[in-house]
């Protein structure tokens, strides 16, 4: 059996195990731990513990194509395309954020000015010292520090326009709160693309910190 065949058999197996995702059920997939420390309207302010993640950066014609290419590349890593040939349990969400590539200000969402970083969070049992090393230079492991995020949840479309609309709404909602943005926004996707649109769990998030005198 070739490595490519093993990779896609692994993907298929996870699809079958999480088959109820079509109806919005994730079958016990591990998600990063967090604590809700505040609420701003429908927005949760969450504190996340440090995590380990596998990243890849993709440049494609559209956000959706970048996401698909990145998913396949990272799926290869977690389903055995690593130096230990070890399969790693799927976790959620898949995270997508902008990666600066020879950028100038202002930020522009174009293929020439930006790429997309696609990230898988690895199971909590894995640490940098114990996680299998990728065989591809295009996949890198990172220790993600603990951080506080403002998070807005939505269902439906995960298109570039939809994500940007929710990011704008999130930023606007924070303007009159005691929280201010402290980094670049990110989109998190918890369900496979074939999940019924209205049952998907999608989130946009941005690192935040308390405004001076806002305690």
N, C-alpha and C. Protein backbone atom coordinates (compact mmCIF):
# COMPACT_ATOMS: atom_id res chain seq x y z
N UNK A 1 0.85 -1.19 0.00
CA UNK A 1 0.00 0.00 0.00
C UNK A 1 0.89 1.24 0.00
N UNK A 2 0.65 2.17 -0.91
CA UNK A 2 1.47 3.36 -0.99
C UNK A 2 1.13 4.33 0.13
N UNK A 3 2.05 5.28 0.39
CA UNK A 3 1.82 6.26 1.45
C UNK A 3 0.61 7.13 1.12
N UNK A 4 0.45 7.48 -0.19
CA UNK A 4 -0.71 8.30 -0.59
C UNK A 4 -2.01 7.56 -0.32
N UNK A 5 -2.03 6.25 -0.64
CA UNK A 5 -3.23 5.45 -0.39
C UNK A 5 -3.54 5.39 1.10
N UNK A 6 -2.49 5.19 1.93
CA UNK A 6 -2.70 5.15 3.38
C UNK A 6 -3.26 6.48 3.89
N UNK A 7 -2.74 7.57 3.33
CA UNK A 7 -3.21 8.89 3.77
C UNK A 7 -4.69 9.04 3.53
N UNK A 8 -5.14 8.71 2.33
CA UNK A 8 -6.54 8.93 2.01
C UNK A 8 -7.45 7.88 2.64
N UNK A 9 -6.91 6.69 2.92
CA UNK A 9 -7.69 5.73 3.70
C UNK A 9 -7.90 6.26 5.11
N UNK A 10 -6.87 6.91 5.64
CA UNK A 10 -7.00 7.51 6.97
C UNK A 10 -8.03 8.61 6.98
N UNK A 11 -8.02 9.45 5.95
CA UNK A 11 -9.02 10.51 5.85
C UNK A 11 -10.41 9.89 5.77
N UNK A 12 -10.55 8.86 4.92
CA UNK A 12 -11.86 8.22 4.77
C UNK A 12 -12.33 7.62 6.09
N UNK A 13 -11.40 7.01 6.84
CA UNK A 13 -11.78 6.41 8.12
C UNK A 13 -12.30 7.47 9.08
N UNK A 14 -11.62 8.61 9.13
CA UNK A 14 -12.06 9.68 10.02
C UNK A 14 -13.41 10.22 9.58
N UNK A 15 -13.60 10.28 8.27
CA UNK A 15 -14.90 10.74 7.76
C UNK A 15 -16.00 9.82 8.23
N UNK A 16 -15.76 8.48 8.16
CA UNK A 16 -16.77 7.52 8.58
C UNK A 16 -17.03 7.62 10.08
N UNK A 17 -15.96 7.77 10.87
CA UNK A 17 -16.11 7.86 12.31
C UNK A 17 -16.85 9.12 12.72
N UNK A 18 -16.67 10.17 11.93
CA UNK A 18 -17.32 11.44 12.24
C UNK A 18 -18.50 11.67 11.31
N UNK A 19 -19.06 10.58 10.78
CA UNK A 19 -20.11 10.71 9.78
C UNK A 19 -21.27 11.54 10.22
N UNK A 20 -21.55 11.52 11.53
CA UNK A 20 -22.67 12.32 12.02
C UNK A 20 -22.41 13.82 11.91
N UNK A 21 -21.19 14.22 11.48
CA UNK A 21 -20.91 15.63 11.28
C UNK A 21 -21.83 16.24 10.23
N UNK A 22 -22.35 15.40 9.33
CA UNK A 22 -23.31 15.89 8.34
C UNK A 22 -24.48 16.54 9.05
N UNK A 23 -24.79 16.05 10.25
CA UNK A 23 -25.92 16.56 10.99
C UNK A 23 -25.48 17.42 12.17
N UNK A 24 -24.20 17.85 12.16
CA UNK A 24 -23.73 18.78 13.16
C UNK A 24 -23.12 18.14 14.39
N UNK A 25 -22.86 16.84 14.36
CA UNK A 25 -22.26 16.14 15.51
C UNK A 25 -20.84 15.74 15.17
N UNK A 26 -19.89 16.09 16.06
CA UNK A 26 -18.48 15.90 15.74
C UNK A 26 -17.89 14.61 16.30
N UNK A 27 -18.69 13.74 16.87
CA UNK A 27 -18.23 12.43 17.27
C UNK A 27 -17.12 12.42 18.30
N UNK A 28 -17.11 13.39 19.22
CA UNK A 28 -16.12 13.38 20.29
C UNK A 28 -14.75 13.89 19.88
N UNK A 29 -14.64 14.57 18.74
CA UNK A 29 -13.36 15.12 18.31
C UNK A 29 -12.82 16.08 19.36
N UNK A 30 -11.55 15.93 19.69
CA UNK A 30 -10.94 16.79 20.71
C UNK A 30 -10.85 18.23 20.23
N UNK A 31 -11.18 19.16 21.08
CA UNK A 31 -11.04 20.59 20.78
C UNK A 31 -10.19 21.23 21.88
N UNK A 32 -9.51 22.32 21.57
CA UNK A 32 -8.66 22.97 22.58
C UNK A 32 -9.47 23.43 23.80
N UNK A 33 -8.88 23.28 24.97
CA UNK A 33 -9.54 23.74 26.20
C UNK A 33 -9.49 25.26 26.29
N UNK A 34 -10.56 25.84 26.83
CA UNK A 34 -10.57 27.27 27.08
C UNK A 34 -11.51 27.57 28.23
N UNK A 35 -11.36 28.78 28.80
CA UNK A 35 -12.23 29.26 29.86
C UNK A 35 -12.84 30.57 29.41
N UNK A 36 -14.16 30.69 29.50
CA UNK A 36 -14.83 31.95 29.16
C UNK A 36 -14.70 32.90 30.35
N UNK A 37 -14.05 34.06 30.13
CA UNK A 37 -13.80 35.00 31.22
C UNK A 37 -14.66 36.25 31.13
N UNK A 38 -15.35 36.44 30.00
CA UNK A 38 -16.21 37.61 29.85
C UNK A 38 -17.11 37.39 28.65
N UNK A 39 -18.14 38.22 28.55
CA UNK A 39 -19.08 38.15 27.44
C UNK A 39 -19.37 39.57 26.98
N UNK A 40 -19.31 39.78 25.67
CA UNK A 40 -19.65 41.07 25.07
C UNK A 40 -20.75 40.81 24.05
N UNK A 41 -22.00 41.03 24.44
CA UNK A 41 -23.13 40.66 23.60
C UNK A 41 -23.05 39.16 23.34
N UNK A 42 -22.96 38.74 22.08
CA UNK A 42 -22.87 37.31 21.75
C UNK A 42 -21.43 36.84 21.64
N UNK A 43 -20.49 37.70 21.94
CA UNK A 43 -19.07 37.38 21.81
C UNK A 43 -18.52 36.84 23.12
N UNK A 44 -17.79 35.73 23.04
CA UNK A 44 -17.14 35.18 24.22
C UNK A 44 -15.68 35.64 24.26
N UNK A 45 -15.24 36.03 25.44
CA UNK A 45 -13.82 36.30 25.67
C UNK A 45 -13.25 35.04 26.30
N UNK A 46 -12.39 34.36 25.59
CA UNK A 46 -11.90 33.05 26.01
C UNK A 46 -10.40 33.08 26.30
N UNK A 47 -10.01 32.41 27.35
CA UNK A 47 -8.60 32.19 27.64
C UNK A 47 -8.24 30.76 27.23
N UNK A 48 -7.27 30.64 26.32
CA UNK A 48 -6.80 29.35 25.84
C UNK A 48 -5.46 29.00 26.48
N UNK A 49 -5.29 27.74 26.81
CA UNK A 49 -4.01 27.25 27.32
C UNK A 49 -3.04 27.07 26.14
N UNK A 50 -1.74 26.95 26.41
CA UNK A 50 -0.79 26.68 25.33
C UNK A 50 -1.16 25.39 24.60
N UNK A 51 -0.88 25.36 23.29
CA UNK A 51 -1.22 24.21 22.45
C UNK A 51 -0.10 23.96 21.46
N UNK A 52 -0.11 22.78 20.87
CA UNK A 52 0.83 22.44 19.81
C UNK A 52 0.05 22.37 18.50
N UNK A 53 0.64 22.91 17.44
CA UNK A 53 -0.06 22.94 16.17
C UNK A 53 0.88 22.60 15.03
N UNK A 54 0.29 22.08 13.95
CA UNK A 54 1.00 21.87 12.68
C UNK A 54 0.49 22.90 11.70
N UNK A 55 1.41 23.61 11.07
CA UNK A 55 1.06 24.69 10.16
C UNK A 55 1.58 24.43 8.75
N UNK A 56 0.87 25.00 7.79
CA UNK A 56 1.39 25.09 6.43
C UNK A 56 0.88 26.38 5.81
N UNK A 57 1.66 26.96 4.92
CA UNK A 57 1.29 28.21 4.26
C UNK A 57 1.03 27.91 2.79
N UNK A 58 -0.12 28.37 2.30
CA UNK A 58 -0.55 28.08 0.93
C UNK A 58 -0.89 29.37 0.22
N UNK A 59 -0.49 29.47 -1.03
CA UNK A 59 -0.92 30.56 -1.90
C UNK A 59 -1.68 29.97 -3.07
N UNK A 60 -2.95 30.31 -3.17
CA UNK A 60 -3.79 29.82 -4.26
C UNK A 60 -4.67 30.96 -4.74
N UNK A 61 -5.44 30.69 -5.80
CA UNK A 61 -6.23 31.74 -6.42
C UNK A 61 -7.32 32.28 -5.50
N UNK A 62 -7.87 31.43 -4.63
CA UNK A 62 -8.93 31.84 -3.73
C UNK A 62 -8.65 31.32 -2.32
N UNK A 63 -9.35 31.90 -1.35
CA UNK A 63 -9.23 31.44 0.02
C UNK A 63 -9.65 29.98 0.13
N UNK A 64 -10.76 29.64 -0.53
CA UNK A 64 -11.27 28.27 -0.43
C UNK A 64 -10.27 27.26 -0.99
N UNK A 65 -9.62 27.60 -2.12
CA UNK A 65 -8.63 26.68 -2.70
C UNK A 65 -7.41 26.56 -1.80
N UNK A 66 -7.00 27.68 -1.17
CA UNK A 66 -5.90 27.62 -0.23
C UNK A 66 -6.24 26.71 0.94
N UNK A 67 -7.48 26.84 1.44
CA UNK A 67 -7.92 26.01 2.57
C UNK A 67 -7.91 24.53 2.19
N UNK A 68 -8.40 24.21 0.99
CA UNK A 68 -8.44 22.82 0.54
C UNK A 68 -7.03 22.24 0.41
N UNK A 69 -6.12 23.02 -0.21
CA UNK A 69 -4.76 22.54 -0.40
C UNK A 69 -4.06 22.35 0.95
N UNK A 70 -4.27 23.32 1.84
CA UNK A 70 -3.65 23.22 3.15
C UNK A 70 -4.18 22.05 3.94
N UNK A 71 -5.49 21.80 3.86
CA UNK A 71 -6.09 20.67 4.57
C UNK A 71 -5.48 19.36 4.09
N UNK A 72 -5.36 19.20 2.77
CA UNK A 72 -4.82 17.96 2.22
C UNK A 72 -3.37 17.76 2.67
N UNK A 73 -2.61 18.85 2.68
CA UNK A 73 -1.20 18.75 3.08
C UNK A 73 -1.07 18.34 4.55
N UNK A 74 -1.88 18.97 5.40
CA UNK A 74 -1.81 18.64 6.83
C UNK A 74 -2.43 17.28 7.12
N UNK A 75 -3.47 16.91 6.35
CA UNK A 75 -4.05 15.58 6.51
C UNK A 75 -3.01 14.51 6.22
N UNK A 76 -2.16 14.77 5.23
CA UNK A 76 -1.08 13.84 4.93
C UNK A 76 -0.17 13.66 6.13
N UNK A 77 0.17 14.78 6.80
CA UNK A 77 1.04 14.71 7.97
C UNK A 77 0.40 13.90 9.10
N UNK A 78 -0.85 14.21 9.43
CA UNK A 78 -1.45 13.55 10.59
C UNK A 78 -1.84 12.10 10.31
N UNK A 79 -1.94 11.73 9.02
CA UNK A 79 -2.28 10.34 8.69
C UNK A 79 -1.06 9.54 8.27
N UNK A 80 0.11 9.95 8.76
CA UNK A 80 1.27 9.07 8.61
C UNK A 80 2.41 9.60 7.77
N UNK A 81 2.24 10.74 7.10
CA UNK A 81 3.34 11.29 6.31
C UNK A 81 4.25 12.10 7.23
N UNK A 82 4.86 11.38 8.18
CA UNK A 82 5.79 11.99 9.12
C UNK A 82 6.91 11.00 9.38
N UNK A 83 7.97 11.46 10.03
CA UNK A 83 9.16 10.63 10.16
C UNK A 83 8.93 9.37 10.97
N UNK A 84 7.90 9.36 11.82
CA UNK A 84 7.59 8.17 12.61
C UNK A 84 6.53 7.30 11.94
N UNK A 85 6.01 7.76 10.79
CA UNK A 85 4.90 7.08 10.11
C UNK A 85 3.75 6.83 11.08
N UNK A 86 3.52 7.78 11.98
CA UNK A 86 2.51 7.65 13.03
C UNK A 86 1.24 8.40 12.65
N UNK A 87 0.10 7.74 12.83
CA UNK A 87 -1.17 8.42 12.61
C UNK A 87 -1.55 9.18 13.87
N UNK A 88 -2.08 10.39 13.68
CA UNK A 88 -2.42 11.28 14.79
C UNK A 88 -3.92 11.54 14.73
N UNK A 89 -4.58 11.51 15.88
CA UNK A 89 -6.03 11.72 15.91
C UNK A 89 -6.38 13.11 15.40
N UNK A 90 -7.49 13.17 14.66
CA UNK A 90 -7.99 14.46 14.19
C UNK A 90 -8.48 15.28 15.38
N UNK A 91 -8.27 16.59 15.31
CA UNK A 91 -8.83 17.51 16.28
C UNK A 91 -9.54 18.62 15.53
N UNK A 92 -10.30 19.41 16.25
CA UNK A 92 -10.98 20.55 15.66
C UNK A 92 -10.73 21.75 16.56
N UNK A 93 -10.73 22.97 16.06
CA UNK A 93 -11.05 23.30 14.68
C UNK A 93 -9.81 23.32 13.77
N UNK A 94 -10.06 23.38 12.45
CA UNK A 94 -9.04 23.77 11.50
C UNK A 94 -9.00 25.30 11.53
N UNK A 95 -7.82 25.85 11.68
CA UNK A 95 -7.69 27.30 11.81
C UNK A 95 -7.08 27.89 10.57
N UNK A 96 -7.55 29.05 10.19
CA UNK A 96 -7.02 29.73 9.03
C UNK A 96 -6.78 31.19 9.37
N UNK A 97 -5.60 31.67 9.06
CA UNK A 97 -5.29 33.07 9.31
C UNK A 97 -4.36 33.57 8.24
N UNK A 98 -4.22 34.88 8.14
CA UNK A 98 -3.36 35.45 7.13
C UNK A 98 -1.90 35.30 7.51
N UNK A 99 -1.05 34.98 6.54
CA UNK A 99 0.39 34.89 6.76
C UNK A 99 1.05 35.95 5.88
N UNK A 100 1.81 36.86 6.49
CA UNK A 100 2.41 37.95 5.73
C UNK A 100 3.54 37.43 4.84
N UNK A 101 3.48 37.76 3.55
CA UNK A 101 4.52 37.36 2.61
C UNK A 101 4.90 38.59 1.79
N UNK A 102 6.08 39.12 2.07
CA UNK A 102 6.57 40.32 1.38
C UNK A 102 5.49 41.39 1.36
N UNK A 103 4.95 41.69 2.51
CA UNK A 103 3.82 42.59 2.58
C UNK A 103 4.25 44.03 2.76
N UNK A 104 3.39 44.92 2.31
CA UNK A 104 3.50 46.34 2.63
C UNK A 104 2.14 46.77 3.16
N UNK A 105 2.11 47.90 3.85
CA UNK A 105 0.83 48.40 4.36
C UNK A 105 0.15 49.22 3.27
N UNK A 106 -1.21 49.17 3.20
CA UNK A 106 -2.11 48.39 4.04
C UNK A 106 -2.15 46.93 3.60
N UNK A 107 -2.73 46.08 4.48
CA UNK A 107 -2.89 44.67 4.16
C UNK A 107 -3.92 44.53 3.04
N UNK A 108 -3.59 43.70 2.04
CA UNK A 108 -4.52 43.45 0.94
C UNK A 108 -4.73 41.96 0.80
N UNK A 109 -5.95 41.56 0.61
CA UNK A 109 -6.25 40.14 0.50
C UNK A 109 -6.16 39.71 -0.96
N UNK A 110 -4.94 39.61 -1.40
CA UNK A 110 -4.71 39.19 -2.78
C UNK A 110 -3.65 38.12 -2.79
N UNK A 111 -3.63 37.35 -3.87
CA UNK A 111 -2.69 36.24 -3.96
C UNK A 111 -1.25 36.72 -4.02
N UNK A 112 -1.03 37.92 -4.49
CA UNK A 112 0.34 38.42 -4.61
C UNK A 112 0.87 38.96 -3.30
N UNK A 113 -0.02 39.50 -2.47
CA UNK A 113 0.40 40.12 -1.22
C UNK A 113 0.27 39.22 0.00
N UNK A 114 -0.55 38.19 -0.09
CA UNK A 114 -0.80 37.37 1.09
C UNK A 114 -0.88 35.90 0.72
N UNK A 115 -0.46 35.09 1.65
CA UNK A 115 -0.72 33.66 1.57
C UNK A 115 -1.65 33.32 2.72
N UNK A 116 -1.98 32.05 2.85
CA UNK A 116 -2.86 31.63 3.95
C UNK A 116 -2.19 30.55 4.75
N UNK A 117 -2.16 30.78 6.02
CA UNK A 117 -1.63 29.78 6.93
C UNK A 117 -2.78 28.89 7.39
N UNK A 118 -2.67 27.61 7.15
CA UNK A 118 -3.67 26.64 7.58
C UNK A 118 -3.07 25.86 8.74
N UNK A 119 -3.83 25.69 9.78
CA UNK A 119 -3.30 25.10 11.02
C UNK A 119 -4.20 24.00 11.53
N UNK A 120 -3.57 22.90 11.93
CA UNK A 120 -4.26 21.86 12.70
C UNK A 120 -3.72 21.91 14.13
N UNK A 121 -4.62 21.91 15.11
CA UNK A 121 -4.19 21.75 16.50
C UNK A 121 -4.00 20.26 16.77
N UNK A 122 -2.89 19.92 17.38
CA UNK A 122 -2.58 18.52 17.64
C UNK A 122 -3.19 18.08 18.98
N UNK A 123 -3.37 16.78 19.17
CA UNK A 123 -3.94 16.30 20.43
C UNK A 123 -3.12 16.77 21.63
N UNK A 124 -3.79 16.97 22.75
CA UNK A 124 -3.14 17.53 23.94
C UNK A 124 -2.06 16.62 24.51
N UNK A 125 -2.12 15.32 24.18
CA UNK A 125 -1.10 14.40 24.70
C UNK A 125 0.26 14.64 24.07
N UNK A 126 0.30 15.31 22.92
CA UNK A 126 1.56 15.52 22.20
C UNK A 126 2.24 16.82 22.64
N UNK A 127 3.54 16.75 22.78
CA UNK A 127 4.37 17.92 23.06
C UNK A 127 5.39 18.04 21.93
N UNK A 128 6.10 19.15 21.89
CA UNK A 128 7.07 19.35 20.82
C UNK A 128 8.09 18.21 20.79
N UNK A 129 8.48 17.74 21.97
CA UNK A 129 9.50 16.69 22.05
C UNK A 129 8.97 15.33 21.61
N UNK A 130 7.65 15.12 21.66
CA UNK A 130 7.09 13.80 21.38
C UNK A 130 6.30 13.74 20.08
N UNK A 131 5.96 14.87 19.51
CA UNK A 131 5.18 14.87 18.26
C UNK A 131 6.06 14.40 17.10
N UNK A 132 5.51 13.57 16.21
CA UNK A 132 6.30 13.12 15.06
C UNK A 132 6.66 14.29 14.16
N UNK A 133 7.88 14.25 13.64
CA UNK A 133 8.36 15.35 12.81
C UNK A 133 7.83 15.19 11.38
N UNK A 134 7.39 16.27 10.76
CA UNK A 134 6.91 16.18 9.37
C UNK A 134 8.03 15.78 8.42
N UNK A 135 7.67 15.04 7.37
CA UNK A 135 8.64 14.72 6.34
C UNK A 135 8.72 15.83 5.30
N UNK A 136 7.68 16.65 5.22
CA UNK A 136 7.64 17.75 4.25
C UNK A 136 8.10 19.05 4.90
N UNK A 137 8.94 19.80 4.19
CA UNK A 137 9.37 21.10 4.67
C UNK A 137 8.22 22.10 4.69
N UNK A 138 7.12 21.78 3.99
CA UNK A 138 5.98 22.69 3.93
C UNK A 138 5.11 22.62 5.17
N UNK A 139 5.36 21.63 6.04
CA UNK A 139 4.60 21.47 7.29
C UNK A 139 5.55 21.72 8.45
N UNK A 140 5.17 22.61 9.35
CA UNK A 140 6.01 22.92 10.50
C UNK A 140 5.18 22.82 11.78
N UNK A 141 5.87 22.48 12.87
CA UNK A 141 5.23 22.38 14.17
C UNK A 141 5.53 23.63 14.99
N UNK A 142 4.53 24.10 15.73
CA UNK A 142 4.69 25.32 16.52
C UNK A 142 4.03 25.14 17.88
N UNK A 143 4.68 25.67 18.88
CA UNK A 143 4.06 25.76 20.20
C UNK A 143 3.28 27.07 20.25
N UNK A 144 1.96 26.96 20.33
CA UNK A 144 1.09 28.14 20.36
C UNK A 144 0.93 28.56 21.82
N UNK A 145 1.34 29.77 22.18
CA UNK A 145 1.25 30.16 23.60
C UNK A 145 -0.19 30.36 24.04
N UNK A 146 -0.41 30.33 25.34
CA UNK A 146 -1.72 30.66 25.86
C UNK A 146 -2.08 32.09 25.50
N UNK A 147 -3.34 32.31 25.18
CA UNK A 147 -3.74 33.64 24.71
C UNK A 147 -5.22 33.86 24.99
N UNK A 148 -5.61 35.12 25.05
CA UNK A 148 -7.01 35.50 25.24
C UNK A 148 -7.59 35.96 23.90
N UNK A 149 -8.72 35.38 23.52
CA UNK A 149 -9.36 35.68 22.24
C UNK A 149 -10.79 36.16 22.47
N UNK A 150 -11.21 37.09 21.63
CA UNK A 150 -12.64 37.40 21.48
C UNK A 150 -13.14 36.54 20.33
N UNK A 151 -14.23 35.79 20.56
CA UNK A 151 -14.67 34.79 19.60
C UNK A 151 -16.15 34.97 19.28
N UNK A 152 -16.46 34.99 18.00
CA UNK A 152 -17.84 35.07 17.54
C UNK A 152 -18.16 33.83 16.72
N UNK A 153 -19.24 33.16 17.07
CA UNK A 153 -19.62 31.91 16.41
C UNK A 153 -20.70 32.18 15.37
N UNK A 154 -20.62 31.45 14.24
CA UNK A 154 -21.64 31.59 13.20
C UNK A 154 -21.74 30.29 12.42
N UNK A 155 -22.83 30.12 11.70
CA UNK A 155 -23.02 28.96 10.83
C UNK A 155 -23.10 29.46 9.39
N UNK A 156 -23.37 28.55 8.46
CA UNK A 156 -23.55 28.97 7.08
C UNK A 156 -22.25 29.03 6.31
N UNK A 157 -22.19 29.97 5.38
CA UNK A 157 -21.08 30.08 4.45
C UNK A 157 -19.75 30.31 5.16
N UNK A 158 -18.70 29.72 4.60
CA UNK A 158 -17.33 29.94 5.09
C UNK A 158 -16.49 30.64 4.03
N UNK A 159 -17.15 31.34 3.12
CA UNK A 159 -16.45 32.05 2.05
C UNK A 159 -15.64 33.21 2.61
N UNK A 160 -14.76 33.74 1.80
CA UNK A 160 -13.95 34.89 2.19
C UNK A 160 -14.83 36.06 2.60
N UNK A 161 -15.89 36.33 1.82
CA UNK A 161 -16.80 37.45 2.12
C UNK A 161 -17.49 37.23 3.45
N UNK A 162 -17.95 36.00 3.69
CA UNK A 162 -18.66 35.70 4.95
C UNK A 162 -17.73 35.88 6.14
N UNK A 163 -16.52 35.34 6.04
CA UNK A 163 -15.57 35.46 7.14
C UNK A 163 -15.24 36.92 7.40
N UNK A 164 -14.97 37.69 6.35
CA UNK A 164 -14.64 39.10 6.53
C UNK A 164 -15.78 39.89 7.15
N UNK A 165 -17.01 39.54 6.78
CA UNK A 165 -18.17 40.21 7.36
C UNK A 165 -18.25 39.96 8.85
N UNK A 166 -18.03 38.72 9.26
CA UNK A 166 -18.10 38.39 10.69
C UNK A 166 -16.92 38.99 11.46
N UNK A 167 -15.76 39.09 10.83
CA UNK A 167 -14.62 39.74 11.47
C UNK A 167 -14.93 41.21 11.71
N UNK A 168 -15.52 41.87 10.71
CA UNK A 168 -15.88 43.28 10.84
C UNK A 168 -16.90 43.48 11.96
N UNK A 169 -17.87 42.59 12.05
CA UNK A 169 -18.87 42.68 13.11
C UNK A 169 -18.25 42.46 14.49
N UNK A 170 -17.31 41.53 14.56
CA UNK A 170 -16.61 41.25 15.81
C UNK A 170 -15.82 42.47 16.26
N UNK A 171 -15.08 43.05 15.35
CA UNK A 171 -14.26 44.23 15.67
C UNK A 171 -15.13 45.39 16.12
N UNK A 172 -16.25 45.59 15.43
CA UNK A 172 -17.16 46.68 15.77
C UNK A 172 -17.76 46.48 17.16
N UNK A 173 -18.12 45.23 17.47
CA UNK A 173 -18.72 44.95 18.78
C UNK A 173 -17.74 45.20 19.91
N UNK A 174 -16.45 45.00 19.66
CA UNK A 174 -15.45 45.21 20.69
C UNK A 174 -15.14 46.69 20.93
N UNK A 175 -15.50 47.54 19.96
CA UNK A 175 -15.11 48.95 20.02
C UNK A 175 -15.62 49.64 21.28
N UNK A 176 -16.81 49.29 21.72
CA UNK A 176 -17.40 49.94 22.89
C UNK A 176 -17.27 49.10 24.16
N UNK A 177 -16.42 48.08 24.12
CA UNK A 177 -16.22 47.21 25.28
C UNK A 177 -14.92 47.57 25.99
N UNK A 178 -14.61 46.81 27.04
CA UNK A 178 -13.36 47.05 27.76
C UNK A 178 -12.20 46.26 27.16
N UNK A 179 -12.44 45.64 25.98
CA UNK A 179 -11.42 44.85 25.31
C UNK A 179 -11.00 45.51 24.01
N UNK A 180 -9.72 45.36 23.65
CA UNK A 180 -9.24 45.85 22.38
C UNK A 180 -8.41 44.78 21.69
N UNK A 181 -8.38 44.83 20.36
CA UNK A 181 -7.66 43.81 19.61
C UNK A 181 -6.16 43.94 19.85
N UNK A 182 -5.49 42.77 19.84
CA UNK A 182 -4.06 42.73 20.11
C UNK A 182 -3.33 41.82 19.12
N UNK A 183 -3.91 41.64 17.94
CA UNK A 183 -3.29 40.78 16.93
C UNK A 183 -4.20 40.63 15.74
N UNK A 184 -3.82 39.75 14.83
CA UNK A 184 -4.56 39.53 13.60
C UNK A 184 -5.74 38.59 13.82
N UNK A 185 -6.86 38.82 13.13
CA UNK A 185 -8.01 37.91 13.25
C UNK A 185 -7.72 36.56 12.61
N UNK A 186 -8.48 35.57 13.04
CA UNK A 186 -8.31 34.20 12.57
C UNK A 186 -9.69 33.57 12.43
N UNK A 187 -9.82 32.62 11.51
CA UNK A 187 -11.08 31.89 11.34
C UNK A 187 -10.87 30.44 11.73
N UNK A 188 -11.83 29.88 12.45
CA UNK A 188 -11.78 28.49 12.89
C UNK A 188 -12.97 27.73 12.31
N UNK A 189 -12.70 26.55 11.76
CA UNK A 189 -13.75 25.73 11.16
C UNK A 189 -13.75 24.37 11.83
N UNK A 190 -14.88 23.98 12.40
CA UNK A 190 -14.97 22.76 13.19
C UNK A 190 -15.53 21.57 12.42
N UNK A 191 -16.17 21.78 11.29
CA UNK A 191 -16.88 20.71 10.59
C UNK A 191 -16.36 20.53 9.17
N UNK A 192 -16.50 19.31 8.63
CA UNK A 192 -16.12 19.08 7.23
C UNK A 192 -17.04 19.87 6.30
N UNK A 193 -16.58 20.15 5.08
CA UNK A 193 -17.36 21.01 4.17
C UNK A 193 -18.71 20.47 3.77
N UNK A 194 -18.90 19.14 3.90
CA UNK A 194 -20.20 18.58 3.50
C UNK A 194 -21.25 18.67 4.60
N UNK A 195 -20.88 19.17 5.78
CA UNK A 195 -21.87 19.36 6.84
C UNK A 195 -22.93 20.34 6.35
N UNK A 196 -24.18 20.04 6.68
CA UNK A 196 -25.26 20.95 6.29
C UNK A 196 -24.93 22.37 6.75
N UNK A 197 -25.08 23.31 5.84
CA UNK A 197 -24.61 24.68 6.07
C UNK A 197 -25.10 25.27 7.38
N UNK A 198 -26.39 25.11 7.68
CA UNK A 198 -26.95 25.76 8.86
C UNK A 198 -26.55 25.07 10.16
N UNK A 199 -25.89 23.90 10.07
CA UNK A 199 -25.45 23.19 11.26
C UNK A 199 -23.94 23.32 11.51
N UNK A 200 -23.24 24.02 10.63
CA UNK A 200 -21.80 24.15 10.79
C UNK A 200 -21.45 25.01 12.00
N UNK A 201 -20.35 24.66 12.64
CA UNK A 201 -19.78 25.52 13.67
C UNK A 201 -18.55 26.21 13.07
N UNK A 202 -18.70 27.49 12.84
CA UNK A 202 -17.61 28.33 12.36
C UNK A 202 -17.39 29.41 13.40
N UNK A 203 -16.16 29.90 13.52
CA UNK A 203 -15.88 30.99 14.45
C UNK A 203 -14.84 31.92 13.86
N UNK A 204 -14.99 33.20 14.16
CA UNK A 204 -13.92 34.15 13.91
C UNK A 204 -13.43 34.62 15.27
N UNK A 205 -12.14 34.84 15.37
CA UNK A 205 -11.54 35.20 16.65
C UNK A 205 -10.44 36.22 16.43
N UNK A 206 -10.14 36.97 17.47
CA UNK A 206 -9.03 37.92 17.42
C UNK A 206 -8.42 38.00 18.81
N UNK A 207 -7.09 38.00 18.91
CA UNK A 207 -6.47 38.17 20.23
C UNK A 207 -6.86 39.53 20.82
N UNK A 208 -7.11 39.54 22.12
CA UNK A 208 -7.53 40.79 22.77
C UNK A 208 -6.78 40.97 24.09
N UNK A 209 -6.81 42.21 24.56
CA UNK A 209 -6.33 42.55 25.87
C UNK A 209 -7.22 43.65 26.43
N UNK A 210 -7.22 43.79 27.74
CA UNK A 210 -8.08 44.81 28.34
C UNK A 210 -7.54 46.21 28.04
N UNK A 211 -8.47 47.12 27.75
CA UNK A 211 -8.07 48.50 27.53
C UNK A 211 -7.54 49.09 28.84
N UNK A 212 -6.70 50.06 28.71
CA UNK A 212 -6.16 50.71 29.90
C UNK A 212 -7.29 51.29 30.72
N UNK A 213 -7.36 50.92 31.99
CA UNK A 213 -8.43 51.40 32.84
C UNK A 213 -9.74 50.70 32.61
N UNK A 214 -9.72 49.57 31.85
CA UNK A 214 -10.98 48.90 31.51
C UNK A 214 -11.31 47.72 32.38
N UNK A 215 -10.57 47.52 33.46
CA UNK A 215 -10.85 46.38 34.33
C UNK A 215 -12.16 46.54 35.06
